[in-house]
Amino acid sequence: MYRICLSRRGNFGEWRDAARRLLQAGIAPHEVDWCLESEGGLFAAPDRALPGAKPAMTRPVVPASFPELAEAIVCHSDPGSFALLYRLLHRLQSEPHLLSVASDADVVQAGRLAKSVRRDCHKMTAFVRFRELAHPGEGGRRRFAAWFEPDHFIVARTAPFFAARFADMDWTILTPKGSATFEAGKLRVSDEPAAKPDLADSADALWLTYYASIFNPARVKVKAMQAEMPKKYWKNLPEAALIPELVVSAQARVADMARQEALAPPAFHARVQSLHEARQAATPATPLAVLRRQASACTRCPLHCHATQTVFGEGPDAADLMFVGEQPGDREDLSGRPFVGPAGQLFDRTLGEVGIDRGRAYVTNAVKHFKFEPRGKRRIHRTPNAGEVERCRWWLEQEIEAVKPRLVVAMGATALGALTGRKQRLGDVRGRLLPFGGGRSLFVTVHPSYLLRIPDPVRAAGEMTQFRNDLATIASKTTG
């Protein structure tokens, strides 16, 4: 029998070197007794001298997954983990696909040990609680300490995680299975077991207040909570003292929440009267003003359910020039005014470049409510469908009848379809002056938002030039 005593657990390099010597000497797993030097004892038998490597024995060959598996298993507190690993290593030389045999007893046991170690590492990263020490470290760096009680010898394995995450402070993690210290950017790991220190912290009271305030009684699932935060960790977590009382009172707190009145909706759903609306309300009741007030209560399509407000057209009651876009965007929905977002700002700049005064034109959209898709805290634009455009077309026709423009500009395919009632390619009619009925003309160009979405800078510059030329043509038609 060969007795191999390792200096400590969790040292994969030490086990690997010993296992390689055994394997190259042709020693079978049942001939090896693995132990730790600390477990050798006064009457331990001396190591039997290993024979030299067999001439025909080559370097051990293992699959790529074995080293990672072994690095986890050597950290396990099971005394038989070293022997299990060597047995797997020995068998892999004649069974190269052994680790893929899910029913093999050694493979099953190895998977169980590795999973236990990985879970212990995860719990350490989740439940270590640092407390600040009174005296700062070298260079005035803040010093912290923590106590943790792992199941396995994982301090060296997990310490690099804390070194990377808390690199701006000095800290020590003490455990019964070793400790890790990070000072002035250098990490040191010790195998010596540590005693639990007194880590009282005045900030604990503040943390407990915060934890109690964010505890959601409506989402309490005791079994799920204990699966993620087992009770054995509670004694070292300050918030654990609150958990039993919070769980017991959860039902009563949920009932109190249900009895409370509904809170105010998010800011972008609040229908706050804007300065623009206040001015409109103070003006005489012209046909266009009456139409605007009627549209503010429009429910002709489902878009009104989620939009903040109706975004009606803006401009003089009588204008020779009318611009029609697709629909309001996020900023327009919040402000209640058309073309005030990024596309509107681009539109305004280009109007100024070609000599068109926006204040003398009427600007509106084919659809009066913002259609969007919520994505986190953002609201992403969605194109209105044919039904929504058709239902809102009535308002657009009323605007044209009230404003009586000589030239109507359709910006984008949605506006073109709303004005003409038929679907056609924008490129076929862009830049052309078309008869529109009632002595009016129709001019077609792109929507400014299209220019903002072009990823290629060269193509974007060309399209921008063409859009500017379109507006210059419009300017010449309205001033001639």
Protein backbone atom coordinates (compact mmCIF):
# COMPACT_ATOMS: atom_id res chain seq x y z
CA MET A 1 0.00 0.00 0.00
CA TYR A 2 1.28 3.43 -0.95
CA ARG A 3 0.37 6.26 1.42
CA ILE A 4 0.12 9.72 -0.22
CA CYS A 5 -0.28 12.61 2.21
CA LEU A 6 -1.18 15.99 0.76
CA SER A 7 -0.48 19.23 2.61
CA ARG A 8 -3.99 20.67 2.23
CA ARG A 9 -7.34 20.33 0.52
CA GLY A 10 -8.29 22.47 -2.44
CA ASN A 11 -4.79 22.39 -3.96
CA PHE A 12 -5.38 20.88 -7.38
CA GLY A 13 -1.72 21.23 -8.43
CA GLU A 14 -0.48 19.17 -5.47
CA TRP A 15 -2.99 16.36 -6.12
CA ARG A 16 -2.26 16.43 -9.88
CA ASP A 17 1.50 16.03 -9.38
CA ALA A 18 1.03 13.12 -6.97
CA ALA A 19 -1.54 11.41 -9.20
CA ARG A 20 0.69 11.78 -12.24
CA ARG A 21 3.61 10.10 -10.43
CA LEU A 22 1.35 7.25 -9.30
CA LEU A 23 -0.10 6.73 -12.75
CA GLN A 24 3.30 6.77 -14.50
CA ALA A 25 4.54 4.23 -11.96
CA GLY A 26 1.61 1.97 -12.82
CA ILE A 27 0.06 2.06 -9.34
CA ALA A 28 -3.57 0.88 -9.27
CA PRO A 29 -6.17 2.92 -7.33
CA HIS A 30 -6.73 0.20 -4.70
CA GLU A 31 -3.00 0.33 -3.82
CA VAL A 32 -3.12 4.01 -2.74
CA ASP A 33 -4.16 5.44 0.60
CA TRP A 34 -4.76 9.18 0.31
CA CYS A 35 -4.58 11.39 3.38
CA LEU A 36 -3.72 14.87 4.61
CA GLU A 37 -0.53 15.59 6.53
CA SER A 38 -2.64 16.97 9.37
CA GLU A 39 -4.44 13.61 9.54
CA GLY A 40 -1.31 11.47 9.45
CA GLY A 41 -0.98 11.18 13.20
CA LEU A 42 1.91 9.98 15.35
CA PHE A 43 1.58 6.31 14.35
CA ALA A 44 0.97 6.80 10.60
CA ALA A 45 2.84 4.33 8.42
CA PRO A 46 5.60 5.91 6.34
CA ASP A 47 5.09 6.33 2.61
CA ARG A 48 6.14 3.34 0.58
CA ALA A 49 8.72 4.39 -2.00
CA LEU A 50 7.22 4.68 -5.47
CA PRO A 51 8.88 2.68 -8.26
CA GLY A 52 10.16 4.59 -11.27
CA ALA A 53 7.93 5.33 -14.21
CA LYS A 54 7.38 2.43 -16.55
CA PRO A 55 9.28 2.85 -19.82
CA ALA A 56 6.17 2.35 -21.96
CA MET A 57 4.06 4.72 -19.86
CA THR A 58 3.33 8.01 -21.61
CA ARG A 59 1.99 11.23 -20.18
CA PRO A 60 -1.59 10.73 -18.85
CA VAL A 61 -4.30 11.67 -21.31
CA VAL A 62 -7.65 13.06 -20.09
CA PRO A 63 -10.63 14.77 -21.78
CA ALA A 64 -10.82 18.56 -21.65
CA SER A 65 -13.61 18.45 -19.05
CA PHE A 66 -11.63 16.46 -16.48
CA PRO A 67 -9.30 19.20 -15.12
CA GLU A 68 -12.24 21.52 -14.41
CA LEU A 69 -14.10 18.67 -12.70
CA ALA A 70 -11.05 17.75 -10.65
CA GLU A 71 -10.38 21.35 -9.57
CA ALA A 72 -13.83 21.39 -7.98
CA ILE A 73 -13.71 17.94 -6.40
CA VAL A 74 -10.35 18.45 -4.64
CA CYS A 75 -12.07 21.22 -2.66
CA HIS A 76 -14.75 18.86 -1.31
CA SER A 77 -14.62 17.96 2.36
CA ASP A 78 -15.34 14.27 1.65
CA PRO A 79 -12.19 12.31 2.70
CA GLY A 80 -12.66 9.99 -0.28
CA SER A 81 -12.58 12.72 -2.90
CA PHE A 82 -8.85 12.27 -3.68
CA ALA A 83 -9.25 8.53 -4.16
CA LEU A 84 -12.31 9.02 -6.38
CA LEU A 85 -10.40 11.41 -8.61
CA TYR A 86 -7.45 9.07 -8.97
CA ARG A 87 -9.77 6.19 -9.75
CA LEU A 88 -11.38 8.25 -12.53
CA LEU A 89 -7.95 9.29 -13.83
CA HIS A 90 -6.75 5.70 -13.90
CA ARG A 91 -9.89 4.47 -15.69
CA LEU A 92 -9.76 7.28 -18.27
CA GLN A 93 -6.52 5.85 -19.66
CA SER A 94 -8.41 2.78 -20.92
CA GLU A 95 -11.94 4.30 -21.04
CA PRO A 96 -11.51 7.70 -22.75
CA HIS A 97 -15.27 8.33 -22.92
CA LEU A 98 -15.92 7.44 -19.28
CA LEU A 99 -17.16 10.91 -18.25
CA SER A 100 -19.99 10.71 -20.79
CA VAL A 101 -21.37 7.52 -19.18
CA ALA A 102 -24.07 9.05 -17.01
CA SER A 103 -24.90 5.77 -15.27
CA ASP A 104 -21.38 5.01 -14.05
CA ALA A 105 -21.18 5.08 -10.24
CA ASP A 106 -17.86 6.98 -10.13
CA VAL A 107 -19.07 9.53 -12.66
CA VAL A 108 -22.32 10.05 -10.71
CA GLN A 109 -20.41 10.52 -7.46
CA ALA A 110 -17.95 12.94 -9.09
CA GLY A 111 -20.80 15.03 -10.48
CA ARG A 112 -22.47 15.17 -7.08
CA LEU A 113 -19.29 16.33 -5.33
CA ALA A 114 -18.50 18.95 -7.98
CA LYS A 115 -22.04 20.30 -7.84
CA SER A 116 -21.86 20.61 -4.08
CA VAL A 117 -18.59 22.56 -4.29
CA ARG A 118 -19.91 24.91 -6.98
CA ARG A 119 -23.05 25.56 -4.96
CA ASP A 120 -20.95 26.32 -1.89
CA CYS A 121 -18.89 28.81 -3.93
CA HIS A 122 -22.09 30.46 -5.14
CA LYS A 123 -23.40 30.74 -1.59
CA MET A 124 -20.15 32.30 -0.45
CA THR A 125 -20.33 35.00 -3.11
CA ALA A 126 -23.97 35.64 -2.15
CA PHE A 127 -23.83 35.61 1.65
CA VAL A 128 -20.49 37.12 2.65
CA ARG A 129 -21.24 40.34 4.53
CA PHE A 130 -18.36 42.77 4.96
CA ARG A 131 -18.19 45.08 7.98
CA GLU A 132 -15.96 48.14 7.98
CA LEU A 133 -13.15 48.15 10.52
CA ALA A 134 -12.37 51.19 12.60
CA HIS A 135 -8.79 51.68 11.44
CA PRO A 136 -8.03 52.35 7.76
CA GLY A 137 -5.43 50.35 5.88
CA GLU A 138 -2.24 51.38 4.11
CA GLY A 139 -2.62 54.68 2.26
CA GLY A 140 -5.91 55.42 4.03
CA ARG A 141 -7.76 52.62 2.22
CA ARG A 142 -10.92 51.45 3.93
CA ARG A 143 -10.61 48.05 5.64
CA PHE A 144 -13.36 45.46 5.89
CA ALA A 145 -13.74 42.00 7.37
CA ALA A 146 -16.25 39.19 6.96
CA TRP A 147 -16.99 35.81 8.51
CA PHE A 148 -18.30 32.84 6.52
CA GLU A 149 -18.75 29.15 7.28
CA PRO A 150 -18.39 27.11 4.07
CA ASP A 151 -19.06 23.41 3.78
CA HIS A 152 -15.93 22.78 1.71
CA PHE A 153 -12.41 24.12 1.25
CA ILE A 154 -13.33 26.82 -1.25
CA VAL A 155 -11.59 29.94 0.08
CA ALA A 156 -8.74 29.86 -2.45
CA ARG A 157 -11.16 28.98 -5.24
CA THR A 158 -13.55 31.87 -4.48
CA ALA A 159 -11.16 34.59 -3.27
CA PRO A 160 -10.31 35.87 -6.81
CA PHE A 161 -14.00 36.77 -7.27
CA PHE A 162 -13.87 39.10 -4.27
CA ALA A 163 -10.48 40.50 -5.31
CA ALA A 164 -11.92 41.54 -8.66
CA ARG A 165 -15.18 42.88 -7.28
CA PHE A 166 -13.81 44.74 -4.25
CA ALA A 167 -10.45 45.88 -5.60
CA ASP A 168 -10.88 49.40 -4.19
CA MET A 169 -10.67 48.39 -0.54
CA ASP A 170 -8.68 46.18 1.82
CA TRP A 171 -10.55 43.20 3.21
CA THR A 172 -10.26 39.87 4.98
CA ILE A 173 -12.61 36.90 4.77
CA LEU A 174 -12.26 34.57 7.76
CA THR A 175 -13.61 30.99 7.76
CA PRO A 176 -13.05 27.78 9.75
CA LYS A 177 -11.40 26.37 6.59
CA GLY A 178 -8.92 29.16 5.89
CA SER A 179 -8.92 32.84 5.16
CA ALA A 180 -8.26 35.29 2.33
CA THR A 181 -6.77 38.78 2.69
CA PHE A 182 -6.61 41.52 0.07
CA GLU A 183 -4.34 44.46 0.88
CA ALA A 184 -2.86 47.10 -1.43
CA GLY A 185 -3.93 45.12 -4.47
CA LYS A 186 -2.36 41.82 -3.37
CA LEU A 187 -4.35 38.69 -2.51
CA ARG A 188 -3.11 36.21 0.09
CA VAL A 189 -4.78 32.94 1.04
CA SER A 190 -4.10 30.99 4.21
CA ASP A 191 -5.10 27.41 5.13
CA GLU A 192 -5.13 28.13 8.84
CA PRO A 193 -8.63 27.93 10.36
CA ALA A 194 -9.81 31.22 11.82
CA ALA A 195 -11.89 32.00 14.90
CA LYS A 196 -15.09 33.96 14.50
CA PRO A 197 -14.38 37.65 15.26
CA ASP A 198 -16.68 40.29 16.70
CA LEU A 199 -17.88 42.19 13.65
CA ALA A 200 -20.55 44.45 15.10
CA ASP A 201 -21.22 47.39 12.76
CA SER A 202 -23.21 50.54 13.46
CA ALA A 203 -24.44 50.47 9.83
CA ASP A 204 -26.39 47.24 10.49
CA ALA A 205 -29.37 49.18 11.84
CA LEU A 206 -29.57 51.23 8.66
CA TRP A 207 -29.33 48.09 6.54
CA LEU A 208 -32.13 46.42 8.52
CA THR A 209 -34.39 49.42 7.99
CA TYR A 210 -33.71 49.33 4.26
CA TYR A 211 -34.21 45.54 4.03
CA ALA A 212 -37.55 45.72 5.84
CA SER A 213 -38.76 48.50 3.53
CA ILE A 214 -37.98 46.57 0.30
CA PHE A 215 -39.36 43.24 1.55
CA ASN A 216 -42.34 42.41 -0.69
CA PRO A 217 -44.90 40.37 1.29
CA ALA A 218 -46.93 39.59 -1.83
CA ARG A 219 -44.03 37.60 -3.28
CA VAL A 220 -43.14 35.55 -0.21
CA LYS A 221 -42.50 31.88 -0.98
CA VAL A 222 -40.92 30.41 2.12
CA LYS A 223 -39.66 27.18 0.55
CA ALA A 224 -38.12 28.97 -2.42
CA MET A 225 -36.51 31.53 -0.11
CA GLN A 226 -35.01 28.85 2.12
CA ALA A 227 -33.74 26.95 -0.92
CA GLU A 228 -31.79 30.03 -2.03
CA MET A 229 -30.88 31.17 1.50
CA PRO A 230 -30.66 28.06 3.72
CA LYS A 231 -31.11 28.60 7.44
CA LYS A 232 -27.53 27.58 8.22
CA TYR A 233 -26.40 30.94 6.79
CA TRP A 234 -28.90 33.01 8.77
CA LYS A 235 -26.82 33.31 11.92
CA ASN A 236 -24.21 35.38 10.05
CA LEU A 237 -26.68 37.59 8.14
CA PRO A 238 -27.98 40.68 9.99
CA GLU A 239 -31.26 40.72 8.02
CA ALA A 240 -32.05 37.14 9.01
CA ALA A 241 -33.32 38.37 12.40
CA LEU A 242 -36.16 40.15 10.59
CA ILE A 243 -37.21 37.32 8.29
CA PRO A 244 -39.45 35.28 10.67
CA GLU A 245 -41.48 38.35 11.67
CA LEU A 246 -41.72 39.58 8.07
CA VAL A 247 -42.96 36.17 6.90
CA VAL A 248 -45.54 35.90 9.69
CA SER A 249 -46.90 39.39 8.96
CA ALA A 250 -46.87 38.94 5.17
CA GLN A 251 -50.58 38.08 4.79
CA ALA A 252 -51.69 41.04 6.88
CA ARG A 253 -49.43 43.39 4.92
CA VAL A 254 -50.80 42.08 1.60
CA ALA A 255 -54.33 42.74 2.86
CA ASP A 256 -53.34 46.29 3.82
CA MET A 257 -51.89 46.82 0.33
CA ALA A 258 -55.14 45.61 -1.25
CA ARG A 259 -57.17 48.08 0.81
CA GLN A 260 -55.06 51.04 -0.26
CA GLU A 261 -56.28 53.31 -3.03
CA ALA A 262 -54.65 53.01 -6.42
CA LEU A 263 -51.54 55.09 -6.89
CA ALA A 264 -51.20 57.75 -9.56
CA PRO A 265 -50.23 56.39 -12.99
CA PRO A 266 -46.68 56.82 -14.37
CA ALA A 267 -45.71 60.31 -15.47
CA PHE A 268 -46.15 59.70 -19.19
CA HIS A 269 -49.76 58.58 -18.63
CA ALA A 270 -50.77 61.63 -16.62
CA ARG A 271 -52.91 63.98 -18.71
CA VAL A 272 -51.40 67.26 -17.56
CA GLN A 273 -52.58 70.34 -19.42
CA SER A 274 -49.59 71.83 -21.23
CA LEU A 275 -48.92 75.51 -21.81
CA HIS A 276 -49.79 74.94 -25.45
CA GLU A 277 -53.20 73.49 -24.48
CA ALA A 278 -53.81 76.39 -22.11
CA ARG A 279 -53.22 78.87 -24.91
CA GLN A 280 -55.53 76.92 -27.20
CA ALA A 281 -58.27 76.92 -24.56
CA ALA A 282 -57.99 80.70 -24.23
CA THR A 283 -58.39 81.36 -27.97
CA PRO A 284 -61.79 81.94 -29.62
CA ALA A 285 -63.68 78.79 -30.63
CA THR A 286 -62.69 78.62 -34.31
CA PRO A 287 -63.70 75.52 -36.32
CA LEU A 288 -60.18 74.16 -35.93
CA ALA A 289 -60.19 74.80 -32.17
CA VAL A 290 -63.52 72.99 -31.82
CA LEU A 291 -62.12 70.11 -33.84
CA ARG A 292 -59.04 69.94 -31.62
CA ARG A 293 -61.14 69.74 -28.45
CA GLN A 294 -63.29 67.01 -29.95
CA ALA A 295 -60.21 65.01 -30.97
CA SER A 296 -58.85 65.17 -27.42
CA ALA A 297 -61.54 62.65 -26.41
CA CYS A 298 -61.16 60.42 -29.47
CA THR A 299 -61.76 56.68 -28.93
CA ARG A 300 -62.15 55.65 -32.57
CA CYS A 301 -59.33 53.07 -32.29
CA PRO A 302 -57.64 51.21 -29.38
CA LEU A 303 -54.51 53.39 -29.51
CA HIS A 304 -56.08 55.90 -27.13
CA CYS A 305 -55.99 53.31 -24.32
CA HIS A 306 -52.21 53.45 -23.89
CA ALA A 307 -51.20 56.85 -25.31
CA THR A 308 -50.87 59.80 -22.95
CA GLN A 309 -53.02 62.13 -25.00
CA THR A 310 -54.24 63.02 -28.47
CA VAL A 311 -51.57 64.91 -30.43
CA PHE A 312 -53.51 67.12 -32.80
CA GLY A 313 -52.12 69.33 -35.56
CA GLU A 314 -50.46 72.66 -34.92
CA GLY A 315 -50.38 75.86 -36.95
CA PRO A 316 -52.52 78.71 -38.29
CA ASP A 317 -56.24 78.20 -38.77
CA ALA A 318 -55.69 79.06 -42.45
CA ALA A 319 -52.37 77.99 -44.00
CA ASP A 320 -51.30 77.57 -47.62
CA LEU A 321 -48.92 74.73 -46.67
CA MET A 322 -49.72 71.58 -44.66
CA PHE A 323 -47.21 68.88 -43.66
CA VAL A 324 -48.56 65.41 -42.75
CA GLY A 325 -46.39 62.86 -40.94
CA GLU A 326 -47.11 59.35 -39.67
CA GLN A 327 -47.86 59.51 -35.94
CA PRO A 328 -46.57 61.25 -32.79
CA GLY A 329 -43.47 59.83 -31.10
CA ASP A 330 -42.55 59.54 -27.43
CA ARG A 331 -41.77 63.24 -26.91
CA GLU A 332 -44.80 64.34 -28.90
CA ASP A 333 -47.00 62.06 -26.80
CA LEU A 334 -45.70 63.66 -23.60
CA SER A 335 -45.86 67.26 -24.76
CA GLY A 336 -49.05 67.08 -26.84
CA ARG A 337 -47.36 68.79 -29.82
CA PRO A 338 -46.40 67.31 -33.22
CA PHE A 339 -42.80 67.13 -34.45
CA VAL A 340 -40.89 68.17 -31.32
CA GLY A 341 -38.69 65.07 -30.94
CA PRO A 342 -35.41 64.25 -32.76
CA ALA A 343 -37.18 63.91 -36.13
CA GLY A 344 -39.03 67.18 -35.51
CA GLN A 345 -35.79 68.98 -34.70
CA LEU A 346 -34.24 67.74 -37.95
CA PHE A 347 -37.40 68.84 -39.77
CA ASP A 348 -37.24 72.34 -38.25
CA ARG A 349 -33.56 72.80 -39.13
CA THR A 350 -34.12 71.79 -42.74
CA LEU A 351 -37.15 74.07 -43.05
CA GLY A 352 -34.98 76.95 -41.87
CA GLU A 353 -32.25 76.08 -44.39
CA VAL A 354 -34.66 76.33 -47.34
CA GLY A 355 -36.49 79.40 -46.05
CA ILE A 356 -39.80 77.91 -44.89
CA ASP A 357 -41.28 79.41 -41.72
CA ARG A 358 -42.82 76.57 -39.73
CA GLY A 359 -45.03 79.07 -37.90
CA ARG A 360 -46.83 79.80 -41.17
CA ALA A 361 -47.40 76.10 -42.05
CA TYR A 362 -49.80 73.60 -40.51
CA VAL A 363 -48.10 70.44 -39.20
CA THR A 364 -50.01 67.28 -38.29
CA ASN A 365 -49.94 63.46 -38.42
CA ALA A 366 -52.03 60.82 -40.11
CA VAL A 367 -52.57 59.10 -36.73
CA LYS A 368 -53.13 61.19 -33.61
CA HIS A 369 -52.11 58.74 -30.87
CA PHE A 370 -48.66 57.27 -30.14
CA LYS A 371 -48.43 53.55 -30.92
CA PHE A 372 -45.55 51.93 -29.07
CA GLU A 373 -44.13 48.75 -27.59
CA PRO A 374 -42.89 48.97 -23.97
CA ARG A 375 -39.31 47.75 -23.59
CA GLY A 376 -38.09 48.20 -20.05
CA LYS A 377 -38.49 51.90 -19.26
CA ARG A 378 -38.45 52.85 -22.93
CA ARG A 379 -41.36 53.06 -25.38
CA ILE A 380 -40.40 51.88 -28.85
CA HIS A 381 -42.28 53.22 -31.89
CA ARG A 382 -44.52 50.79 -33.81
CA THR A 383 -45.99 51.53 -37.24
CA PRO A 384 -49.79 52.00 -37.22
CA ASN A 385 -51.70 49.32 -39.12
CA ALA A 386 -54.16 49.98 -41.95
CA GLY A 387 -57.18 49.86 -39.65
CA GLU A 388 -55.76 52.44 -37.26
CA VAL A 389 -54.82 54.74 -40.15
CA GLU A 390 -58.30 54.42 -41.67
CA ARG A 391 -60.08 55.23 -38.39
CA CYS A 392 -57.94 58.34 -37.87
CA ARG A 393 -58.34 59.44 -41.49
CA TRP A 394 -61.60 61.17 -40.57
CA TRP A 395 -59.74 63.64 -38.36
CA LEU A 396 -57.15 64.32 -41.07
CA GLU A 397 -59.88 65.08 -43.62
CA GLN A 398 -61.52 67.48 -41.16
CA GLU A 399 -58.20 69.25 -40.61
CA ILE A 400 -57.66 69.70 -44.36
CA GLU A 401 -61.20 71.02 -44.73
CA ALA A 402 -60.70 73.53 -41.86
CA VAL A 403 -57.19 74.74 -42.79
CA LYS A 404 -57.76 74.79 -46.58
CA PRO A 405 -54.11 74.47 -47.67
CA ARG A 406 -53.08 74.91 -51.31
CA LEU A 407 -50.23 72.38 -50.99
CA VAL A 408 -50.29 69.24 -48.83
CA VAL A 409 -46.96 67.45 -48.21
CA ALA A 410 -47.07 63.72 -47.41
CA MET A 411 -43.98 62.72 -45.40
CA GLY A 412 -43.63 58.95 -45.53
CA ALA A 413 -45.66 56.02 -46.83
CA THR A 414 -48.19 56.05 -43.96
CA ALA A 415 -49.07 59.71 -44.61
CA LEU A 416 -49.31 59.07 -48.36
CA GLY A 417 -51.71 56.16 -47.80
CA ALA A 418 -53.84 58.19 -45.38
CA LEU A 419 -54.13 61.09 -47.83
CA THR A 420 -54.79 59.09 -51.01
CA GLY A 421 -56.61 56.08 -49.55
CA ARG A 422 -54.44 53.61 -51.46
CA LYS A 423 -51.12 51.88 -50.99
CA GLN A 424 -48.29 52.79 -53.37
CA ARG A 425 -44.50 52.86 -53.42
CA LEU A 426 -43.10 56.10 -52.06
CA GLY A 427 -40.26 56.10 -54.60
CA ASP A 428 -42.68 56.11 -57.52
CA VAL A 429 -44.17 59.48 -56.58
CA ARG A 430 -41.49 61.16 -54.48
CA GLY A 431 -40.57 64.70 -55.52
CA ARG A 432 -43.53 65.05 -57.86
CA LEU A 433 -46.40 67.54 -57.66
CA LEU A 434 -49.67 65.60 -57.91
CA PRO A 435 -53.29 66.79 -58.18
CA PHE A 436 -55.13 66.32 -54.90
CA GLY A 437 -58.67 67.59 -55.50
CA GLY A 438 -60.35 70.77 -54.41
CA GLY A 439 -57.78 72.82 -56.31
CA ARG A 440 -54.99 71.51 -54.07
CA SER A 441 -51.72 69.80 -54.90
CA LEU A 442 -49.94 66.90 -53.17
CA PHE A 443 -46.17 66.62 -52.81
CA VAL A 444 -44.50 63.44 -51.53
CA THR A 445 -41.20 63.08 -49.65
CA VAL A 446 -39.72 60.91 -46.89
CA HIS A 447 -40.36 61.23 -43.18
CA PRO A 448 -37.50 62.91 -41.23
CA SER A 449 -37.28 59.90 -38.87
CA TYR A 450 -36.24 57.75 -41.85
CA LEU A 451 -33.11 59.89 -42.22
CA LEU A 452 -32.17 59.29 -38.56
CA ARG A 453 -32.33 55.51 -38.95
CA ILE A 454 -29.92 55.13 -41.91
CA PRO A 455 -26.78 53.40 -40.57
CA ASP A 456 -24.48 54.16 -43.53
CA PRO A 457 -23.11 57.75 -43.20
CA VAL A 458 -22.55 58.12 -46.95
CA ARG A 459 -26.06 57.00 -47.81
CA ALA A 460 -27.50 59.12 -44.99
CA ALA A 461 -25.76 62.23 -46.39
CA GLY A 462 -27.17 61.55 -49.86
CA GLU A 463 -30.70 61.04 -48.55
CA MET A 464 -30.42 64.19 -46.44
CA THR A 465 -29.43 66.19 -49.53
CA GLN A 466 -32.41 64.84 -51.43
CA PHE A 467 -34.77 65.66 -48.54
CA ARG A 468 -33.40 69.22 -48.45
CA ASN A 469 -33.96 69.49 -52.19
CA ASP A 470 -37.55 68.28 -51.75
CA LEU A 471 -38.22 71.00 -49.18
CA ALA A 472 -36.55 73.57 -51.40
CA THR A 473 -38.97 72.56 -54.18
CA ILE A 474 -41.86 72.97 -51.74
CA ALA A 475 -40.56 76.43 -50.79
CA SER A 476 -40.46 77.49 -54.43
CA LYS A 477 -44.04 76.28 -55.00
CA THR A 478 -45.44 78.12 -52.00
CA THR A 479 -43.66 81.42 -52.63
CA GLY A 480 -44.21 81.52 -56.39
